[in-house]
């Protein structure tokens, strides 16, 4: 009963009208409040040194009945990119540049019996919130098309703010040495990120059963890095296409071909996106399926011959242009010691991983809590190219396909030996005769 009464008291206090002469929150949909805000913006704009006029994008504050109405407002404005102060146009027709936002605190009085009815009593520029300042800094370093669309800008700002919270959670609970922070993906929601840079629904089911790799001796070097042996091509970028599985596949075959044939060749992911009829192009696929499809097609063309488009397309595979072929594929043990032994002996390994903790990664050895990247949900295909140890932390070196500006120049280091993020659940490789 006491709890119920407490809740009722809180609700009543929120919705209770202000007492006579009291201060209440302004309603941003109230035409009179909007007119007060617009009057303030026009006056501030006229006095500013900006070449182009300010346009109001939002406002908040309070109002109070005094001799008329007193509005105490914080107003967010942006400079117009299409209008000048001398244009006799409604500012509603002006396009804004949301990279030029300013915040002003303004006090406006409305007295209907006077002319003009509105008076700007005082104003001063105030700094944006810390989060919006970070967002503005982010926009200055990343080209975005929504900076002249107020509604989309505000939506992206909200996403950015949500991502800052995720970054804080990841960093606070990180068990390794990884650093998380703002990067080129910081204005993309987790759902959008996984649907375009990974596979939001995880890897598709497959009936393909690959033969198992033989068990190997684990008497191996303390570190291996195939990048140093000229069997790994430069980091690529899959863009907004869920083709990570194709990059994982080609990366593995590039390594196998270089090791067995002595020639490193950058291979075509687009051929797999377009011509692999078992997998689903930009909607996801499996390396185990892709190996079989490559053998059925007759091989892979080079990146130069069959360039990447980051979109599903019509197959234009030319068998006469084949640069590389494979003669089989196999599954590697899920035991990470065996994985390391196989990698040391035979080359880079195609794997699946849960990418949920990767979006905000900047560098270091990642060891996120399991709840942040469940091993049971693999949604991203990548390539293990090496392993090592930093103090007491053994790690894998993973080549990603999000471009060289992400992570450690396109690479991801993650703790080895814990099955972290499911990285040991789907290791495979093609074989080259």
Protein backbone atom coordinates (compact mmCIF):
# COMPACT_ATOMS: atom_id res chain seq x y z
CA UNK A 1 0.00 0.00 0.00
CA UNK A 2 2.84 2.36 0.92
CA UNK A 3 4.62 1.62 -2.42
CA UNK A 4 1.43 2.31 -4.36
CA UNK A 5 0.91 5.60 -2.56
CA UNK A 6 4.55 6.58 -3.19
CA UNK A 7 4.17 5.93 -6.91
CA UNK A 8 0.97 7.97 -7.00
CA UNK A 9 2.71 10.83 -5.22
CA UNK A 10 5.57 10.79 -7.75
CA UNK A 11 3.15 10.73 -10.71
CA UNK A 12 1.16 13.56 -9.18
CA UNK A 13 4.29 15.66 -8.67
CA UNK A 14 5.37 15.17 -12.29
CA UNK A 15 2.06 16.17 -13.81
CA UNK A 16 0.96 18.76 -11.27
CA UNK A 17 0.57 22.24 -12.79
CA UNK A 18 2.96 24.95 -11.68
CA UNK A 19 1.59 27.21 -8.93
CA UNK A 20 0.66 30.79 -9.87
CA UNK A 21 3.86 32.56 -10.87
CA UNK A 22 5.76 29.28 -10.81
CA UNK A 23 8.23 27.94 -13.36
CA UNK A 24 7.28 25.03 -15.63
CA UNK A 25 8.96 23.14 -18.44
CA UNK A 26 8.42 24.62 -21.85
CA UNK A 27 6.50 22.63 -24.46
CA UNK A 28 8.61 22.59 -27.66
CA UNK A 29 5.44 22.08 -29.76
CA UNK A 30 3.82 25.25 -28.38
CA UNK A 31 3.68 27.78 -31.26
CA UNK A 32 4.26 30.70 -28.88
CA UNK A 33 7.37 29.04 -27.40
CA UNK A 34 8.61 28.26 -30.91
CA UNK A 35 8.08 31.89 -31.92
CA UNK A 36 10.03 33.03 -28.85
CA UNK A 37 12.90 30.70 -29.73
CA UNK A 38 12.89 31.80 -33.38
CA UNK A 39 12.91 35.46 -32.35
CA UNK A 40 15.95 34.83 -30.16
CA UNK A 41 17.72 32.97 -32.97
CA UNK A 42 17.06 35.79 -35.45
CA UNK A 43 18.45 38.39 -33.03
CA UNK A 44 21.50 36.28 -32.16
CA UNK A 45 22.12 35.49 -35.83
CA UNK A 46 21.98 39.17 -36.76
CA UNK A 47 24.63 39.97 -34.15
CA UNK A 48 26.88 37.02 -34.98
CA UNK A 49 29.95 37.17 -37.18
CA UNK A 50 28.81 34.12 -39.14
CA UNK A 51 28.30 34.78 -42.86
CA UNK A 52 25.23 32.56 -43.00
CA UNK A 53 22.19 32.80 -40.73
CA UNK A 54 21.53 30.51 -37.81
CA UNK A 55 18.62 28.08 -38.08
CA UNK A 56 16.97 26.63 -34.98
CA UNK A 57 17.14 22.85 -34.76
CA UNK A 58 15.79 22.31 -31.24
CA UNK A 59 15.25 24.02 -27.91
CA UNK A 60 14.31 23.31 -24.32
CA UNK A 61 13.87 25.30 -21.13
CA UNK A 62 11.24 26.80 -18.88
CA UNK A 63 8.52 29.40 -18.99
CA UNK A 64 7.08 31.54 -16.24
CA UNK A 65 4.15 33.94 -16.01
CA UNK A 66 5.53 37.34 -15.09
CA UNK A 67 4.53 40.61 -16.69
CA UNK A 68 3.73 38.54 -19.76
CA UNK A 69 5.69 35.31 -20.27
CA UNK A 70 9.36 34.79 -19.53
CA UNK A 71 11.12 32.06 -21.54
CA UNK A 72 14.44 30.78 -20.22
CA UNK A 73 15.72 28.69 -23.14
CA UNK A 74 18.68 26.69 -24.30
CA UNK A 75 18.56 26.76 -28.09
CA UNK A 76 20.49 24.56 -30.49
CA UNK A 77 21.21 26.18 -33.87
CA UNK A 78 23.19 25.38 -36.98
CA UNK A 79 24.44 27.61 -39.75
CA UNK A 80 22.62 27.47 -43.07
CA UNK A 81 24.64 26.12 -45.97
CA UNK A 82 22.32 27.54 -48.66
CA UNK A 83 21.05 30.90 -47.38
CA UNK A 84 22.73 34.16 -46.49
CA UNK A 85 21.65 36.82 -44.03
CA UNK A 86 20.54 39.08 -46.90
CA UNK A 87 18.14 36.50 -48.38
CA UNK A 88 14.49 37.35 -47.85
CA UNK A 89 13.53 33.71 -47.42
CA UNK A 90 11.84 31.72 -44.72
CA UNK A 91 14.56 29.91 -42.81
CA UNK A 92 12.44 26.77 -43.19
CA UNK A 93 13.65 26.71 -46.80
CA UNK A 94 17.31 26.84 -45.83
CA UNK A 95 19.48 23.74 -45.66
CA UNK A 96 21.52 23.49 -42.48
CA UNK A 97 25.04 22.27 -41.89
CA UNK A 98 24.92 20.21 -38.69
CA UNK A 99 28.70 20.31 -38.37
CA UNK A 100 28.34 23.99 -37.41
CA UNK A 101 26.07 23.70 -34.38
CA UNK A 102 26.04 26.25 -31.56
CA UNK A 103 24.17 26.33 -28.27
CA UNK A 104 22.81 29.56 -26.81
CA UNK A 105 21.20 30.33 -23.51
CA UNK A 106 18.60 33.05 -24.05
CA UNK A 107 15.95 34.81 -21.99
CA UNK A 108 13.00 36.05 -24.01
CA UNK A 109 9.99 38.02 -22.78
CA UNK A 110 6.63 37.91 -24.52
CA UNK A 111 4.31 40.81 -23.83
CA UNK A 112 1.44 40.78 -26.28
CA UNK A 113 0.48 44.40 -25.63
CA UNK A 114 3.83 45.67 -26.84
CA UNK A 115 5.29 46.01 -30.31
CA UNK A 116 7.31 44.03 -30.93
CA UNK A 117 5.77 41.48 -28.59
CA UNK A 118 9.06 39.63 -28.06
CA UNK A 119 12.17 41.00 -26.39
CA UNK A 120 15.53 39.26 -26.12
CA UNK A 121 16.66 40.18 -22.63
CA UNK A 122 20.02 38.43 -22.63
CA UNK A 123 21.91 35.64 -24.34
CA UNK A 124 25.26 33.89 -24.26
CA UNK A 125 26.81 30.98 -26.08
CA UNK A 126 27.20 27.82 -24.01
CA UNK A 127 29.18 24.67 -24.79
CA UNK A 128 27.43 21.58 -26.14
CA UNK A 129 27.18 18.48 -24.01
CA UNK A 130 30.33 16.40 -23.77
CA UNK A 131 28.68 13.69 -25.87
CA UNK A 132 27.68 16.08 -28.66
CA UNK A 133 31.14 17.66 -28.62
CA UNK A 134 32.58 14.18 -29.18
CA UNK A 135 30.05 13.59 -31.95
CA UNK A 136 31.05 16.83 -33.66
CA UNK A 137 34.69 15.80 -33.42
CA UNK A 138 33.74 12.42 -34.90
CA UNK A 139 31.98 14.10 -37.83
CA UNK A 140 34.99 16.31 -38.52
CA UNK A 141 37.05 13.18 -39.17
CA UNK A 142 34.44 11.09 -40.99
CA UNK A 143 32.50 12.07 -44.09
CA UNK A 144 28.77 11.59 -43.54
CA UNK A 145 25.82 12.45 -45.78
CA UNK A 146 23.32 13.19 -42.99
CA UNK A 147 24.91 16.44 -41.80
CA UNK A 148 22.29 18.52 -43.64
CA UNK A 149 19.35 16.47 -42.35
CA UNK A 150 18.36 17.56 -38.85
CA UNK A 151 16.15 14.56 -38.09
CA UNK A 152 18.70 11.99 -39.25
CA UNK A 153 21.48 13.86 -37.46
CA UNK A 154 19.56 13.67 -34.19
CA UNK A 155 18.94 9.94 -34.69
CA UNK A 156 22.64 9.34 -35.35
CA UNK A 157 23.55 11.42 -32.31
CA UNK A 158 21.34 9.15 -30.18
CA UNK A 159 23.05 6.08 -31.67
CA UNK A 160 26.45 7.64 -30.96
CA UNK A 161 25.43 8.27 -27.35
CA UNK A 162 24.28 4.65 -26.99
CA UNK A 163 27.62 3.49 -28.38
CA UNK A 164 29.52 5.63 -25.88
CA UNK A 165 27.70 3.71 -23.14
CA UNK A 166 28.62 0.40 -24.78
CA UNK A 167 32.26 1.50 -25.01
CA UNK A 168 32.23 2.39 -21.33
CA UNK A 169 30.76 -1.02 -20.42
CA UNK A 170 33.27 -2.92 -22.53
CA UNK A 171 36.21 -0.98 -21.14
CA UNK A 172 35.04 -1.27 -17.54
CA UNK A 173 34.75 -5.05 -17.83
CA UNK A 174 37.72 -5.78 -20.11
CA UNK A 175 39.90 -8.57 -18.70
CA UNK A 176 42.76 -8.13 -21.15
CA UNK A 177 44.62 -5.09 -22.41
CA UNK A 178 42.19 -4.05 -25.15
CA UNK A 179 41.19 -0.45 -25.57
CA UNK A 180 37.74 0.49 -26.83
CA UNK A 181 36.69 3.88 -28.10
CA UNK A 182 35.34 6.04 -30.87
CA UNK A 183 36.12 4.84 -34.39
CA UNK A 184 34.55 4.99 -37.85
CA UNK A 185 31.67 2.74 -36.73
CA UNK A 186 30.61 4.83 -33.74
CA UNK A 187 27.46 6.24 -35.36
CA UNK A 188 26.19 2.80 -36.40
CA UNK A 189 23.84 0.85 -34.13
CA UNK A 190 24.90 -2.62 -33.02
CA UNK A 191 22.09 -4.17 -35.07
CA UNK A 192 22.98 -2.23 -38.22
CA UNK A 193 26.65 -2.96 -37.68
CA UNK A 194 26.14 -6.72 -37.44
CA UNK A 195 23.79 -6.77 -40.43
CA UNK A 196 26.26 -4.95 -42.69
CA UNK A 197 29.76 -5.74 -41.38
CA UNK A 198 29.02 -9.23 -40.07
CA UNK A 199 25.91 -11.41 -40.29
CA UNK A 200 23.15 -10.41 -37.88
CA UNK A 201 21.50 -13.84 -38.03
CA UNK A 202 24.74 -15.79 -37.68
CA UNK A 203 26.17 -18.35 -40.10
CA UNK A 204 23.63 -20.37 -42.11
CA UNK A 205 23.21 -24.07 -41.50
CA UNK A 206 25.35 -26.38 -43.60
CA UNK A 207 25.20 -30.07 -44.41
CA UNK A 208 28.83 -30.05 -45.58
CA UNK A 209 31.07 -32.27 -43.46
CA UNK A 210 34.74 -31.70 -44.06
CA UNK A 211 37.38 -34.31 -43.24
CA UNK A 212 39.21 -33.73 -39.96
CA UNK A 213 42.80 -32.54 -39.94
CA UNK A 214 45.24 -35.01 -38.33
CA UNK A 215 46.37 -34.46 -34.76
CA UNK A 216 49.72 -32.68 -34.58
CA UNK A 217 52.54 -32.30 -32.09
CA UNK A 218 52.17 -29.15 -30.01
CA UNK A 219 55.93 -28.72 -29.77
CA UNK A 220 55.76 -25.48 -31.75
CA UNK A 221 57.38 -22.01 -31.72
CA UNK A 222 56.25 -19.57 -29.03
CA UNK A 223 55.07 -17.17 -31.73
CA UNK A 224 54.16 -17.32 -35.41
CA UNK A 225 53.18 -14.47 -37.72
CA UNK A 226 52.49 -15.41 -41.35
CA UNK A 227 52.44 -11.72 -42.32
CA UNK A 228 56.22 -11.79 -41.96
CA UNK A 229 56.50 -14.63 -44.49
CA UNK A 230 54.69 -12.94 -47.39
CA UNK A 231 51.63 -15.18 -47.37
CA UNK A 232 49.03 -12.61 -46.24
CA UNK A 233 47.62 -9.93 -48.55
CA UNK A 234 46.96 -6.37 -47.30
CA UNK A 235 43.83 -5.82 -45.21
CA UNK A 236 40.69 -5.49 -47.33
CA UNK A 237 37.34 -3.82 -46.68
CA UNK A 238 34.05 -5.65 -47.16
CA UNK A 239 32.03 -2.42 -46.78
CA UNK A 240 28.33 -2.66 -46.03
CA UNK A 241 27.96 -6.17 -47.45
CA UNK A 242 27.75 -9.26 -45.22
CA UNK A 243 30.45 -10.99 -47.25
CA UNK A 244 32.89 -11.61 -44.40
CA UNK A 245 32.69 -15.35 -45.11
CA UNK A 246 34.11 -14.73 -48.60
CA UNK A 247 37.03 -12.69 -47.24
CA UNK A 248 37.78 -15.38 -44.66
CA UNK A 249 37.75 -17.97 -47.43
CA UNK A 250 39.94 -16.07 -49.89
CA UNK A 251 42.36 -15.10 -47.12
CA UNK A 252 42.85 -18.75 -46.26
CA UNK A 253 43.34 -19.77 -49.89
CA UNK A 254 45.72 -16.86 -50.55
CA UNK A 255 47.86 -18.19 -47.72
CA UNK A 256 47.71 -21.80 -48.87
CA UNK A 257 48.61 -20.86 -52.44
CA UNK A 258 51.51 -18.66 -51.34
CA UNK A 259 52.92 -21.40 -49.09
CA UNK A 260 52.62 -24.20 -51.64
CA UNK A 261 53.26 -22.28 -54.87
CA UNK A 262 55.54 -19.50 -53.68
CA UNK A 263 53.34 -16.72 -55.06
CA UNK A 264 51.03 -14.42 -53.10
CA UNK A 265 47.94 -13.52 -55.15
CA UNK A 266 45.03 -11.34 -54.02
CA UNK A 267 41.88 -13.32 -54.83
CA UNK A 268 38.34 -12.28 -55.73
CA UNK A 269 35.70 -12.18 -53.01
CA UNK A 270 33.19 -10.82 -55.51
CA UNK A 271 33.38 -14.06 -57.49
CA UNK A 272 32.12 -15.88 -54.41
CA UNK A 273 29.44 -13.26 -53.70
CA UNK A 274 28.14 -13.53 -57.27
CA UNK A 275 28.80 -17.14 -58.27
CA UNK A 276 28.55 -19.27 -55.10
CA UNK A 277 24.94 -20.46 -55.38
CA UNK A 278 24.89 -22.32 -52.08
CA UNK A 279 25.79 -19.31 -49.95
CA UNK A 280 23.92 -16.00 -49.84
CA UNK A 281 26.26 -13.29 -51.07
CA UNK A 282 25.87 -10.13 -49.00
CA UNK A 283 23.45 -11.95 -46.71
CA UNK A 284 26.04 -14.38 -45.40
CA UNK A 285 27.69 -17.71 -46.13
CA UNK A 286 30.05 -20.40 -44.90
CA UNK A 287 33.69 -21.04 -45.83
CA UNK A 288 32.97 -24.80 -45.76
CA UNK A 289 30.36 -24.28 -48.51
CA UNK A 290 32.60 -21.87 -50.38
CA UNK A 291 35.47 -24.38 -50.69
CA UNK A 292 33.13 -26.82 -52.42
CA UNK A 293 31.74 -24.11 -54.69
CA UNK A 294 35.23 -22.98 -55.71
CA UNK A 295 36.09 -26.54 -56.69
CA UNK A 296 32.83 -26.81 -58.66
CA UNK A 297 33.48 -23.52 -60.45
CA UNK A 298 37.04 -24.49 -61.28
CA UNK A 299 38.95 -21.97 -59.17
CA UNK A 300 39.20 -18.31 -58.24
CA UNK A 301 40.03 -15.28 -60.32
CA UNK A 302 42.21 -12.50 -58.97
CA UNK A 303 40.93 -9.36 -57.30
CA UNK A 304 42.26 -7.39 -60.27
CA UNK A 305 40.28 -9.47 -62.79
CA UNK A 306 37.05 -9.74 -60.78
CA UNK A 307 36.92 -6.63 -58.60
CA UNK A 308 34.97 -6.19 -55.41
CA UNK A 309 31.67 -4.24 -55.55
CA UNK A 310 30.30 -4.72 -51.99
CA UNK A 311 26.95 -5.74 -53.48
CA UNK A 312 25.30 -8.82 -54.92
CA UNK A 313 25.79 -9.08 -58.66
CA UNK A 314 25.43 -11.31 -61.67
CA UNK A 315 28.11 -13.98 -62.01
CA UNK A 316 30.62 -13.25 -64.78
CA UNK A 317 33.20 -15.88 -63.87
CA UNK A 318 35.64 -16.76 -66.65
CA UNK A 319 37.33 -20.12 -66.24
CA UNK A 320 40.11 -18.96 -68.55
CA UNK A 321 40.95 -16.25 -65.99
CA UNK A 322 41.36 -18.64 -63.05
CA UNK A 323 44.53 -17.85 -61.09
CA UNK A 324 44.21 -20.29 -58.19
CA UNK A 325 42.51 -23.60 -57.55
CA UNK A 326 42.18 -25.92 -54.57
CA UNK A 327 41.86 -29.68 -54.32
CA UNK A 328 40.02 -30.04 -51.02
CA UNK A 329 39.26 -28.66 -47.56
CA UNK A 330 39.27 -29.83 -43.98
CA UNK A 331 38.09 -29.08 -40.46
CA UNK A 332 40.69 -28.26 -37.85
CA UNK A 333 40.40 -29.33 -34.21
CA UNK A 334 38.60 -26.95 -31.86
CA UNK A 335 41.41 -27.48 -29.34
CA UNK A 336 43.35 -24.21 -29.44
CA UNK A 337 46.69 -25.93 -28.93
CA UNK A 338 45.94 -28.02 -32.01
CA UNK A 339 44.82 -24.91 -33.87
CA UNK A 340 48.14 -23.25 -33.06
CA UNK A 341 50.04 -26.35 -34.15
CA UNK A 342 48.14 -26.47 -37.44
CA UNK A 343 48.68 -22.75 -38.06
CA UNK A 344 52.40 -23.00 -37.30
CA UNK A 345 52.78 -25.93 -39.70
CA UNK A 346 50.34 -25.16 -42.51
CA UNK A 347 49.30 -21.51 -42.53
CA UNK A 348 46.41 -19.10 -41.78
CA UNK A 349 43.09 -20.55 -40.60
CA UNK A 350 39.56 -19.49 -41.55
CA UNK A 351 37.37 -19.12 -38.47
CA UNK A 352 34.01 -17.83 -37.31
CA UNK A 353 33.71 -15.47 -34.35
CA UNK A 354 31.08 -13.50 -32.47
CA UNK A 355 31.80 -9.92 -33.52
CA UNK A 356 29.65 -8.14 -30.94
CA UNK A 357 32.67 -6.94 -28.95
CA UNK A 358 34.67 -5.91 -32.02
CA UNK A 359 32.79 -2.82 -33.21
CA UNK A 360 34.51 -0.40 -30.82
CA UNK A 361 37.91 -2.12 -30.61
CA UNK A 362 40.95 0.14 -30.96
CA UNK A 363 43.84 -2.14 -30.01
CA UNK A 364 45.39 -4.40 -27.39
CA UNK A 365 44.60 -8.01 -26.44
CA UNK A 366 40.83 -8.39 -26.20
CA UNK A 367 39.36 -10.51 -23.43
CA UNK A 368 35.76 -9.33 -23.06
CA UNK A 369 33.27 -10.89 -20.70
CA UNK A 370 31.47 -13.82 -22.30
CA UNK A 371 28.14 -12.00 -22.07
CA UNK A 372 29.47 -9.44 -24.57
CA UNK A 373 30.25 -12.08 -27.24
CA UNK A 374 28.49 -15.39 -26.70
CA UNK A 375 30.55 -18.28 -28.17
CA UNK A 376 27.37 -19.98 -29.36
CA UNK A 377 26.51 -17.19 -31.80
CA UNK A 378 29.10 -16.96 -34.56
CA UNK A 379 28.30 -14.09 -36.92
CA UNK A 380 31.57 -13.03 -38.53
CA UNK A 381 34.17 -14.74 -40.70
CA UNK A 382 37.83 -13.78 -40.19
CA UNK A 383 41.32 -15.21 -40.61
CA UNK A 384 43.84 -16.22 -37.94
CA UNK A 385 47.29 -15.35 -39.29
CA UNK A 386 49.43 -15.83 -36.19
CA UNK A 387 49.75 -16.14 -32.45
CA UNK A 388 52.03 -14.90 -29.69
CA UNK A 389 52.25 -14.02 -26.03
CA UNK A 390 52.47 -10.68 -24.23
CA UNK A 391 53.56 -11.28 -20.64
CA UNK A 392 51.04 -13.70 -19.18
CA UNK A 393 48.54 -13.21 -22.01
CA UNK A 394 48.66 -15.59 -25.00
CA UNK A 395 46.88 -14.18 -28.03
CA UNK A 396 45.75 -14.83 -31.58
CA UNK A 397 46.42 -12.40 -34.43
CA UNK A 398 43.31 -12.07 -36.56
CA UNK A 399 43.04 -10.41 -39.95
CA UNK A 400 39.70 -8.61 -40.26
CA UNK A 401 37.94 -7.24 -43.35
CA UNK A 402 36.86 -3.79 -42.15
CA UNK A 403 39.73 -1.82 -43.64
CA UNK A 404 43.15 -0.88 -42.30
CA UNK A 405 41.85 2.07 -40.26
CA UNK A 406 40.01 -0.25 -37.86
CA UNK A 407 41.70 -1.87 -34.85
CA UNK A 408 45.44 -2.47 -35.09
CA UNK A 409 45.83 -1.47 -38.75
CA UNK A 410 42.99 -3.83 -39.62
CA UNK A 411 43.99 -6.60 -37.20
CA UNK A 412 42.49 -7.89 -33.96
CA UNK A 413 44.35 -9.50 -31.12
CA UNK A 414 42.27 -11.67 -28.81
CA UNK A 415 43.08 -13.92 -25.88
CA UNK A 416 44.14 -17.46 -26.83
CA UNK A 417 43.12 -20.61 -24.97
CA UNK A 418 39.69 -19.59 -23.67
CA UNK A 419 37.52 -20.23 -26.72
CA UNK A 420 36.76 -16.52 -26.51
CA UNK A 421 33.81 -15.32 -28.59
CA UNK A 422 33.56 -18.82 -30.13
CA UNK A 423 36.74 -18.37 -32.21
CA UNK A 424 37.60 -22.08 -31.88
CA UNK A 425 34.22 -23.44 -32.99
CA UNK A 426 34.59 -23.28 -36.78
CA UNK A 427 38.25 -23.51 -37.86
CA UNK A 428 38.71 -24.71 -41.44
CA UNK A 429 41.15 -24.56 -44.32
CA UNK A 430 41.34 -25.30 -48.00
CA UNK A 431 44.06 -27.60 -49.26
CA UNK A 432 46.30 -26.94 -52.25
CA UNK A 433 48.13 -29.71 -54.03
